[in-house]
Amino acid sequence: MTFIVAIQLRDSIVIAIDNKHLLLKDKKLDEYQEYEDSKLYAWHSGIITGTGEHYVIDKAIRLFINNAESDLEKLPACLNISRQIREMEVGQHEQIQLSKILYSSYSENGAKLFAVELNEESGLYQTSEFKENDLIIWLFNQNIQSITEHLKTLYANPRPRSSFTRVEDWIDYYISAIAKIYEKQSHIDSWMSSSFDIFFQTKDHYFYQYIENNRNFI
């Protein structure tokens, strides 16, 4: 149910994620508890988030930070364990099975984005690294007709941190573009919020903002 837009730039990364949570009620696979809160988790090298059922993502990240000592090699195992625990509680469900994690990490050349998700062929959770100028869209509702042109514009004009004189201009550039995407898509997908958190990370710094986003961009 989560809507994520993430961009791997040459020297930095940008992650935006909506604020609406949908939590499966125990033993009731067609009923959800709904509330709004941040879906971003901090760790010592950046940020972690994910899509799928919130319980699975939350449990996996807490296992990673509190029990696996933030060892990235153990993050796939943490997600697998969390999924199995949840399936024992409520049974199998698409949202549980599709749960996957996105995280950022510092590197010598800037921040990097990685994904942890299930490899359907092997049945194992694996980590993959995104390439320069990759635009990552994770969403539940596949109808993106209203935001296609906005996504194309964003993809065609990747702007790394180094292309701006001021960091404020870099941040404003992406907030303006991404706010339009969230506002429009939220009219199509009632399981996401128009508000979102946005996270920027460079080689040495990170920046975070909550965007209420109740402006009308239509």
C-alpha atoms as a PDB file:
ATOM      1  CA  MET A   1       0.000   0.000   0.000  1.00  0.00           C
ATOM      2  CA  THR A   2       3.056   2.233   0.289  1.00  0.00           C
ATOM      3  CA  PHE A   3       4.015   4.599  -2.525  1.00  0.00           C
ATOM      4  CA  ILE A   4       7.762   5.212  -2.894  1.00  0.00           C
ATOM      5  CA  VAL A   5       9.665   7.364  -5.375  1.00  0.00           C
ATOM      6  CA  ALA A   6      13.433   7.011  -5.121  1.00  0.00           C
ATOM      7  CA  ILE A   7      16.232   8.319  -7.327  1.00  0.00           C
ATOM      8  CA  GLN A   8      19.842   7.203  -7.506  1.00  0.00           C
ATOM      9  CA  LEU A   9      21.899  10.190  -8.615  1.00  0.00           C
ATOM     10  CA  ARG A  10      25.602  10.380  -9.423  1.00  0.00           C
ATOM     11  CA  ASP A  11      26.569  11.782  -6.028  1.00  0.00           C
ATOM     12  CA  SER A  12      23.412  11.488  -3.926  1.00  0.00           C
ATOM     13  CA  ILE A  13      20.006   9.886  -3.452  1.00  0.00           C
ATOM     14  CA  VAL A  14      16.423  11.059  -2.955  1.00  0.00           C
ATOM     15  CA  ILE A  15      13.679   8.973  -1.314  1.00  0.00           C
ATOM     16  CA  ALA A  16      10.031  10.031  -0.943  1.00  0.00           C
ATOM     17  CA  ILE A  17       7.423   7.897   0.814  1.00  0.00           C
ATOM     18  CA  ASP A  18       3.788   8.483   1.731  1.00  0.00           C
ATOM     19  CA  ASN A  19       2.499   8.459   5.319  1.00  0.00           C
ATOM     20  CA  LYS A  20      -0.549   6.168   5.256  1.00  0.00           C
ATOM     21  CA  HIS A  21      -0.277   2.862   7.108  1.00  0.00           C
ATOM     22  CA  LEU A  22      -2.588  -0.108   6.517  1.00  0.00           C
ATOM     23  CA  LEU A  23      -2.134  -2.902   9.045  1.00  0.00           C
ATOM     24  CA  LEU A  24      -3.834  -6.276   8.602  1.00  0.00           C
ATOM     25  CA  LYS A  25      -6.125  -7.126  11.520  1.00  0.00           C
ATOM     26  CA  ASP A  26      -5.283 -10.456  13.104  1.00  0.00           C
ATOM     27  CA  LYS A  27      -6.962 -13.349  11.297  1.00  0.00           C
ATOM     28  CA  LYS A  28      -8.953 -10.923   9.145  1.00  0.00           C
ATOM     29  CA  LEU A  29      -7.134 -10.747   5.831  1.00  0.00           C
ATOM     30  CA  ASP A  30      -9.654  -8.385   4.240  1.00  0.00           C
ATOM     31  CA  GLU A  31      -9.739  -5.830   7.076  1.00  0.00           C
ATOM     32  CA  TYR A  32      -7.165  -3.150   7.845  1.00  0.00           C
ATOM     33  CA  GLN A  33      -6.352  -0.637  10.531  1.00  0.00           C
ATOM     34  CA  GLU A  34      -5.531   2.742   8.963  1.00  0.00           C
ATOM     35  CA  TYR A  35      -3.425   5.586  10.355  1.00  0.00           C
ATOM     36  CA  GLU A  36      -0.759   8.068   9.244  1.00  0.00           C
ATOM     37  CA  ASP A  37       2.827   8.175  10.462  1.00  0.00           C
ATOM     38  CA  SER A  38       6.368   8.221   9.112  1.00  0.00           C
ATOM     39  CA  LYS A  39       7.618   5.051   7.419  1.00  0.00           C
ATOM     40  CA  LEU A  40      11.293   6.034   7.480  1.00  0.00           C
ATOM     41  CA  TYR A  41      13.758   4.404   9.872  1.00  0.00           C
ATOM     42  CA  ALA A  42      17.222   5.782  10.552  1.00  0.00           C
ATOM     43  CA  TRP A  43      20.326   3.632  10.752  1.00  0.00           C
ATOM     44  CA  HIS A  44      23.971   4.691  11.050  1.00  0.00           C
ATOM     45  CA  SER A  45      24.584   4.872   7.282  1.00  0.00           C
ATOM     46  CA  GLY A  46      21.317   6.371   6.087  1.00  0.00           C
ATOM     47  CA  ILE A  47      17.656   5.458   5.972  1.00  0.00           C
ATOM     48  CA  ILE A  48      15.587   2.261   5.655  1.00  0.00           C
ATOM     49  CA  THR A  49      11.995   1.858   4.520  1.00  0.00           C
ATOM     50  CA  GLY A  50       9.925  -0.584   2.500  1.00  0.00           C
ATOM     51  CA  THR A  51       6.654  -1.587   0.883  1.00  0.00           C
ATOM     52  CA  GLY A  52       4.223  -4.349   1.706  1.00  0.00           C
ATOM     53  CA  GLU A  53       2.595  -4.935   5.070  1.00  0.00           C
ATOM     54  CA  HIS A  54       3.848  -2.503   7.689  1.00  0.00           C
ATOM     55  CA  TYR A  55       4.195  -5.136  10.402  1.00  0.00           C
ATOM     56  CA  VAL A  56       6.589  -7.174   8.239  1.00  0.00           C
ATOM     57  CA  ILE A  57       8.740  -4.159   7.340  1.00  0.00           C
ATOM     58  CA  ASP A  58       8.770  -2.813  10.901  1.00  0.00           C
ATOM     59  CA  LYS A  59       9.710  -6.184  12.431  1.00  0.00           C
ATOM     60  CA  ALA A  60      12.450  -6.797   9.850  1.00  0.00           C
ATOM     61  CA  ILE A  61      14.060  -3.399  10.419  1.00  0.00           C
ATOM     62  CA  ARG A  62      13.918  -3.735  14.202  1.00  0.00           C
ATOM     63  CA  LEU A  63      15.540  -7.177  13.969  1.00  0.00           C
ATOM     64  CA  PHE A  64      18.239  -5.692  11.731  1.00  0.00           C
ATOM     65  CA  ILE A  65      19.037  -2.789  14.069  1.00  0.00           C
ATOM     66  CA  ASN A  66      18.469  -4.375  17.482  1.00  0.00           C
ATOM     67  CA  ASN A  67      19.421  -8.030  16.960  1.00  0.00           C
ATOM     68  CA  ALA A  68      21.632  -8.196  13.861  1.00  0.00           C
ATOM     69  CA  GLU A  69      23.813  -5.205  14.865  1.00  0.00           C
ATOM     70  CA  SER A  70      22.973  -3.452  11.568  1.00  0.00           C
ATOM     71  CA  ASP A  71      24.936  -6.049   9.607  1.00  0.00           C
ATOM     72  CA  LEU A  72      23.752  -5.610   6.008  1.00  0.00           C
ATOM     73  CA  GLU A  73      24.564  -9.218   5.172  1.00  0.00           C
ATOM     74  CA  LYS A  74      21.885 -10.233   7.683  1.00  0.00           C
ATOM     75  CA  LEU A  75      19.175  -7.867   6.427  1.00  0.00           C
ATOM     76  CA  PRO A  76      17.695 -10.391   3.916  1.00  0.00           C
ATOM     77  CA  ALA A  77      17.466 -12.966   6.733  1.00  0.00           C
ATOM     78  CA  CYS A  78      15.721 -10.390   8.959  1.00  0.00           C
ATOM     79  CA  LEU A  79      13.089  -9.785   6.280  1.00  0.00           C
ATOM     80  CA  ASN A  80      12.606 -13.521   5.782  1.00  0.00           C
ATOM     81  CA  ILE A  81      12.186 -14.146   9.518  1.00  0.00           C
ATOM     82  CA  SER A  82       9.727 -11.266   9.852  1.00  0.00           C
ATOM     83  CA  ARG A  83       7.635 -12.577   6.972  1.00  0.00           C
ATOM     84  CA  GLN A  84       7.515 -16.091   8.444  1.00  0.00           C
ATOM     85  CA  ILE A  85       6.458 -14.790  11.861  1.00  0.00           C
ATOM     86  CA  ARG A  86       3.652 -12.742  10.323  1.00  0.00           C
ATOM     87  CA  GLU A  87       2.421 -15.652   8.228  1.00  0.00           C
ATOM     88  CA  MET A  88       2.234 -17.796  11.359  1.00  0.00           C
ATOM     89  CA  GLU A  89       0.078 -15.092  12.971  1.00  0.00           C
ATOM     90  CA  VAL A  90      -2.400 -14.308  10.192  1.00  0.00           C
ATOM     91  CA  GLY A  91      -1.658 -16.700   7.316  1.00  0.00           C
ATOM     92  CA  GLN A  92      -0.438 -15.955   3.815  1.00  0.00           C
ATOM     93  CA  HIS A  93      -1.451 -12.712   2.166  1.00  0.00           C
ATOM     94  CA  GLU A  94      -0.271 -10.870  -0.946  1.00  0.00           C
ATOM     95  CA  GLN A  95       0.854  -7.810   1.004  1.00  0.00           C
ATOM     96  CA  ILE A  96       2.980  -9.967   3.291  1.00  0.00           C
ATOM     97  CA  GLN A  97       4.533 -11.930   0.445  1.00  0.00           C
ATOM     98  CA  LEU A  98       5.346  -8.799  -1.580  1.00  0.00           C
ATOM     99  CA  SER A  99       7.044  -6.980   1.294  1.00  0.00           C
ATOM    100  CA  LYS A 100      10.475  -5.603   0.362  1.00  0.00           C
ATOM    101  CA  ILE A 101      13.000  -3.153   1.754  1.00  0.00           C
ATOM    102  CA  LEU A 102      14.760  -0.092   0.340  1.00  0.00           C
ATOM    103  CA  TYR A 103      17.768   1.394   2.108  1.00  0.00           C
ATOM    104  CA  SER A 104      20.508   3.975   1.582  1.00  0.00           C
ATOM    105  CA  SER A 105      24.156   3.903   2.581  1.00  0.00           C
ATOM    106  CA  TYR A 106      27.119   6.277   2.466  1.00  0.00           C
ATOM    107  CA  SER A 107      29.915   5.533  -0.010  1.00  0.00           C
ATOM    108  CA  GLU A 108      33.148   7.201  -1.138  1.00  0.00           C
ATOM    109  CA  ASN A 109      31.434   8.747  -4.156  1.00  0.00           C
ATOM    110  CA  GLY A 110      28.138   9.626  -2.481  1.00  0.00           C
ATOM    111  CA  ALA A 111      25.033   7.917  -1.157  1.00  0.00           C
ATOM    112  CA  LYS A 112      23.824   4.652  -2.682  1.00  0.00           C
ATOM    113  CA  LEU A 113      20.427   2.937  -2.870  1.00  0.00           C
ATOM    114  CA  PHE A 114      19.824  -0.788  -2.400  1.00  0.00           C
ATOM    115  CA  ALA A 115      16.788  -3.084  -2.392  1.00  0.00           C
ATOM    116  CA  VAL A 116      16.139  -6.323  -0.515  1.00  0.00           C
ATOM    117  CA  GLU A 117      13.413  -8.399  -2.131  1.00  0.00           C
ATOM    118  CA  LEU A 118      12.355 -11.945  -2.865  1.00  0.00           C
ATOM    119  CA  ASN A 119      13.888 -13.691  -5.858  1.00  0.00           C
ATOM    120  CA  GLU A 120      10.986 -15.738  -7.185  1.00  0.00           C
ATOM    121  CA  GLU A 121      13.252 -18.262  -8.916  1.00  0.00           C
ATOM    122  CA  SER A 122      15.417 -19.074  -5.905  1.00  0.00           C
ATOM    123  CA  GLY A 123      12.833 -18.306  -3.219  1.00  0.00           C
ATOM    124  CA  LEU A 124      15.494 -16.350  -1.325  1.00  0.00           C
ATOM    125  CA  TYR A 125      15.702 -12.698  -0.329  1.00  0.00           C
ATOM    126  CA  GLN A 126      18.527 -10.931  -2.144  1.00  0.00           C
ATOM    127  CA  THR A 127      20.125  -7.489  -2.132  1.00  0.00           C
ATOM    128  CA  SER A 128      20.557  -5.451  -5.316  1.00  0.00           C
ATOM    129  CA  GLU A 129      22.214  -2.073  -5.920  1.00  0.00           C
ATOM    130  CA  PHE A 130      20.609   0.595  -8.073  1.00  0.00           C
ATOM    131  CA  LYS A 131      22.543   2.247 -10.887  1.00  0.00           C
ATOM    132  CA  GLU A 132      23.187   5.936 -11.539  1.00  0.00           C
ATOM    133  CA  ASN A 133      20.032   7.832 -12.605  1.00  0.00           C
ATOM    134  CA  ASP A 134      17.729   4.902 -11.797  1.00  0.00           C
ATOM    135  CA  LEU A 135      14.209   6.088 -10.937  1.00  0.00           C
ATOM    136  CA  ILE A 136      12.543   3.596  -8.592  1.00  0.00           C
ATOM    137  CA  ILE A 137       8.747   3.530  -8.246  1.00  0.00           C
ATOM    138  CA  TRP A 138       7.215   1.103  -5.748  1.00  0.00           C
ATOM    139  CA  LEU A 139       3.421   1.219  -5.590  1.00  0.00           C
ATOM    140  CA  PHE A 140       0.301  -0.887  -5.085  1.00  0.00           C
ATOM    141  CA  ASN A 141      -2.106   0.678  -7.586  1.00  0.00           C
ATOM    142  CA  GLN A 142      -0.622   0.161 -11.051  1.00  0.00           C
ATOM    143  CA  ASN A 143      -2.725   2.913 -12.637  1.00  0.00           C
ATOM    144  CA  ILE A 144      -0.166   5.715 -13.089  1.00  0.00           C
ATOM    145  CA  GLN A 145      -1.743   7.412 -16.100  1.00  0.00           C
ATOM    146  CA  SER A 146      -2.193  10.728 -14.293  1.00  0.00           C
ATOM    147  CA  ILE A 147       1.480  10.923 -13.248  1.00  0.00           C
ATOM    148  CA  THR A 148       3.193   9.383 -16.290  1.00  0.00           C
ATOM    149  CA  GLU A 149       4.316  12.716 -17.731  1.00  0.00           C
ATOM    150  CA  HIS A 150       5.604  13.882 -14.347  1.00  0.00           C
ATOM    151  CA  LEU A 151       7.613  10.670 -13.979  1.00  0.00           C
ATOM    152  CA  LYS A 152       9.015  11.027 -17.500  1.00  0.00           C
ATOM    153  CA  THR A 153      10.094  14.598 -16.743  1.00  0.00           C
ATOM    154  CA  LEU A 154      11.726  13.521 -13.489  1.00  0.00           C
ATOM    155  CA  TYR A 155      13.538  10.661 -15.221  1.00  0.00           C
ATOM    156  CA  ALA A 156      14.699  12.856 -18.118  1.00  0.00           C
ATOM    157  CA  ASN A 157      16.173  15.540 -15.841  1.00  0.00           C
ATOM    158  CA  PRO A 158      18.221  13.912 -13.065  1.00  0.00           C
ATOM    159  CA  ARG A 159      19.939  16.634 -11.067  1.00  0.00           C
ATOM    160  CA  PRO A 160      22.699  15.528  -8.682  1.00  0.00           C
ATOM    161  CA  ARG A 161      23.613  17.657  -5.686  1.00  0.00           C
ATOM    162  CA  SER A 162      26.737  18.947  -7.464  1.00  0.00           C
ATOM    163  CA  SER A 163      24.644  20.544 -10.231  1.00  0.00           C
ATOM    164  CA  PHE A 164      23.260  23.116  -7.776  1.00  0.00           C
ATOM    165  CA  THR A 165      25.150  25.961  -6.135  1.00  0.00           C
ATOM    166  CA  ARG A 166      22.923  25.853  -3.043  1.00  0.00           C
ATOM    167  CA  VAL A 167      21.648  22.732  -1.304  1.00  0.00           C
ATOM    168  CA  GLU A 168      18.310  24.506  -0.769  1.00  0.00           C
ATOM    169  CA  ASP A 169      17.786  24.755  -4.530  1.00  0.00           C
ATOM    170  CA  TRP A 170      18.505  21.043  -4.957  1.00  0.00           C
ATOM    171  CA  ILE A 171      15.987  20.145  -2.264  1.00  0.00           C
ATOM    172  CA  ASP A 172      13.325  22.505  -3.639  1.00  0.00           C
ATOM    173  CA  TYR A 173      13.794  21.105  -7.162  1.00  0.00           C
ATOM    174  CA  TYR A 174      12.846  17.587  -6.065  1.00  0.00           C
ATOM    175  CA  ILE A 175      10.156  18.552  -3.564  1.00  0.00           C
ATOM    176  CA  SER A 176       8.332  20.570  -6.215  1.00  0.00           C
ATOM    177  CA  ALA A 177       8.465  17.742  -8.769  1.00  0.00           C
ATOM    178  CA  ILE A 178       7.594  14.933  -6.360  1.00  0.00           C
ATOM    179  CA  ALA A 179       4.782  16.817  -4.585  1.00  0.00           C
ATOM    180  CA  LYS A 180       2.854  16.935  -7.867  1.00  0.00           C
ATOM    181  CA  ILE A 181       3.240  13.175  -8.260  1.00  0.00           C
ATOM    182  CA  TYR A 182       1.965  12.409  -4.764  1.00  0.00           C
ATOM    183  CA  GLU A 183      -0.956  14.793  -4.950  1.00  0.00           C
ATOM    184  CA  LYS A 184      -2.203  13.411  -8.258  1.00  0.00           C
ATOM    185  CA  GLN A 185      -1.627   9.730  -7.510  1.00  0.00           C
ATOM    186  CA  SER A 186      -3.428  10.001  -4.165  1.00  0.00           C
ATOM    187  CA  HIS A 187      -6.621  10.829  -6.102  1.00  0.00           C
ATOM    188  CA  ILE A 188      -6.267   7.481  -7.879  1.00  0.00           C
ATOM    189  CA  ASP A 189      -4.982   5.365  -5.009  1.00  0.00           C
ATOM    190  CA  SER A 190      -7.001   5.799  -1.803  1.00  0.00           C
ATOM    191  CA  TRP A 191      -4.535   3.588   0.084  1.00  0.00           C
ATOM    192  CA  MET A 192      -1.786   6.197  -0.025  1.00  0.00           C
ATOM    193  CA  SER A 193      -1.565   9.734   1.351  1.00  0.00           C
ATOM    194  CA  SER A 194      -0.820  12.896  -0.589  1.00  0.00           C
ATOM    195  CA  SER A 195       1.505  13.900   2.254  1.00  0.00           C
ATOM    196  CA  PHE A 196       4.964  12.364   2.271  1.00  0.00           C
ATOM    197  CA  ASP A 197       8.364  12.309   3.898  1.00  0.00           C
ATOM    198  CA  ILE A 198      11.351  13.108   1.695  1.00  0.00           C
ATOM    199  CA  PHE A 199      14.966  12.234   2.454  1.00  0.00           C
ATOM    200  CA  PHE A 200      18.107  13.495   0.716  1.00  0.00           C
ATOM    201  CA  GLN A 201      21.565  12.017   1.263  1.00  0.00           C
ATOM    202  CA  THR A 202      24.998  13.000  -0.065  1.00  0.00           C
ATOM    203  CA  LYS A 203      28.494  11.757   0.706  1.00  0.00           C
ATOM    204  CA  ASP A 204      28.653  13.686   3.971  1.00  0.00           C
ATOM    205  CA  HIS A 205      25.157  14.867   4.898  1.00  0.00           C
ATOM    206  CA  TYR A 206      21.472  14.035   4.902  1.00  0.00           C
ATOM    207  CA  PHE A 207      18.377  16.234   4.869  1.00  0.00           C
ATOM    208  CA  TYR A 208      14.805  15.311   5.812  1.00  0.00           C
ATOM    209  CA  GLN A 209      11.435  17.067   5.465  1.00  0.00           C
ATOM    210  CA  TYR A 210       7.783  16.223   6.015  1.00  0.00           C
ATOM    211  CA  ILE A 211       5.612  17.605   3.194  1.00  0.00           C
ATOM    212  CA  GLU A 212       1.959  18.099   4.112  1.00  0.00           C
ATOM    213  CA  ASN A 213       1.141  18.542   0.416  1.00  0.00           C
ATOM    214  CA  ASN A 214      -2.483  19.676   0.554  1.00  0.00           C
ATOM    215  CA  ARG A 215      -1.986  22.007  -2.377  1.00  0.00           C
ATOM    216  CA  ASN A 216      -3.885  21.338  -5.586  1.00  0.00           C
ATOM    217  CA  PHE A 217      -1.644  20.625  -8.573  1.00  0.00           C
ATOM    218  CA  ILE A 218      -4.366  19.412 -10.959  1.00  0.00           C
END
